[in-house]
Amino acid sequence: MKLKVINPNTTASMTDKIGIAARRVASSDTEII
């Protein structure tokens, strides 16, 4: 499965935090893009 995470906020720090949170809860076969 691919999961596309869209950050409506343009700050890099928020993008990083969202990515970390998404990877924490995603299955091992899920690709975060």
N, C-alpha and C. Protein backbone atom coordinates (compact mmCIF):
# COMPACT_ATOMS: atom_id res chain seq x y z
N MET A 1 0.85 -1.17 0.00
CA MET A 1 0.00 0.00 0.00
C MET A 1 0.89 1.23 0.00
N LYS A 2 0.45 2.25 -0.71
CA LYS A 2 1.14 3.54 -0.68
C LYS A 2 0.23 4.53 0.03
N LEU A 3 0.81 5.31 0.90
CA LEU A 3 0.07 6.33 1.63
C LEU A 3 0.74 7.67 1.36
N LYS A 4 0.00 8.57 0.74
CA LYS A 4 0.54 9.89 0.44
C LYS A 4 0.10 10.85 1.54
N VAL A 5 1.07 11.43 2.21
CA VAL A 5 0.79 12.37 3.29
C VAL A 5 0.99 13.78 2.74
N ILE A 6 -0.03 14.59 2.86
CA ILE A 6 0.03 15.96 2.36
C ILE A 6 0.07 16.92 3.55
N ASN A 7 1.06 17.78 3.55
CA ASN A 7 1.23 18.76 4.62
C ASN A 7 0.75 20.12 4.11
N PRO A 8 -0.37 20.62 4.63
CA PRO A 8 -0.85 21.93 4.19
C PRO A 8 0.01 23.07 4.73
N ASN A 9 0.83 22.77 5.71
CA ASN A 9 1.76 23.74 6.28
C ASN A 9 3.09 23.55 5.55
N THR A 10 3.78 24.59 5.20
CA THR A 10 4.99 24.44 4.38
C THR A 10 6.29 24.38 5.17
N THR A 11 6.22 24.33 6.49
CA THR A 11 7.46 24.28 7.25
C THR A 11 8.06 22.88 7.23
N ALA A 12 9.37 22.82 7.09
CA ALA A 12 10.07 21.54 7.03
C ALA A 12 9.93 20.77 8.34
N SER A 13 9.94 21.46 9.46
CA SER A 13 9.84 20.77 10.75
C SER A 13 8.50 20.05 10.90
N MET A 14 7.42 20.67 10.43
CA MET A 14 6.11 20.02 10.51
C MET A 14 6.05 18.83 9.55
N THR A 15 6.61 18.97 8.37
CA THR A 15 6.66 17.86 7.42
C THR A 15 7.39 16.68 8.04
N ASP A 16 8.51 16.93 8.71
CA ASP A 16 9.27 15.86 9.37
C ASP A 16 8.44 15.19 10.46
N LYS A 17 7.75 15.98 11.27
CA LYS A 17 6.93 15.43 12.35
C LYS A 17 5.79 14.57 11.81
N ILE A 18 5.17 15.02 10.74
CA ILE A 18 4.08 14.26 10.12
C ILE A 18 4.62 12.94 9.58
N GLY A 19 5.78 12.98 8.92
CA GLY A 19 6.39 11.76 8.39
C GLY A 19 6.74 10.76 9.47
N ILE A 20 7.28 11.25 10.56
CA ILE A 20 7.63 10.37 11.69
C ILE A 20 6.37 9.70 12.25
N ALA A 21 5.32 10.49 12.44
CA ALA A 21 4.07 9.94 12.97
C ALA A 21 3.46 8.92 12.01
N ALA A 22 3.51 9.19 10.72
CA ALA A 22 2.95 8.26 9.73
C ALA A 22 3.73 6.95 9.73
N ARG A 23 5.06 7.02 9.79
CA ARG A 23 5.86 5.79 9.79
C ARG A 23 5.65 4.97 11.06
N ARG A 24 5.35 5.62 12.17
CA ARG A 24 5.11 4.90 13.43
C ARG A 24 3.89 3.99 13.34
N VAL A 25 2.85 4.44 12.66
CA VAL A 25 1.60 3.69 12.65
C VAL A 25 1.38 2.87 11.38
N ALA A 26 2.23 3.05 10.38
CA ALA A 26 2.05 2.34 9.11
C ALA A 26 2.51 0.89 9.25
N SER A 27 1.89 0.02 8.48
CA SER A 27 2.33 -1.37 8.41
C SER A 27 3.69 -1.43 7.74
N SER A 28 4.38 -2.53 7.93
CA SER A 28 5.73 -2.66 7.36
C SER A 28 5.72 -2.65 5.83
N ASP A 29 4.59 -3.03 5.22
CA ASP A 29 4.52 -3.04 3.76
C ASP A 29 3.91 -1.76 3.19
N THR A 30 3.74 -0.74 4.01
CA THR A 30 3.19 0.54 3.57
C THR A 30 4.32 1.49 3.22
N GLU A 31 4.21 2.09 2.04
CA GLU A 31 5.19 3.08 1.60
C GLU A 31 4.62 4.47 1.85
N ILE A 32 5.32 5.27 2.62
CA ILE A 32 4.90 6.65 2.89
C ILE A 32 5.56 7.53 1.83
N ILE A 33 4.72 8.23 1.07
CA ILE A 33 5.27 9.11 0.02
C ILE A 33 4.78 10.52 0.22
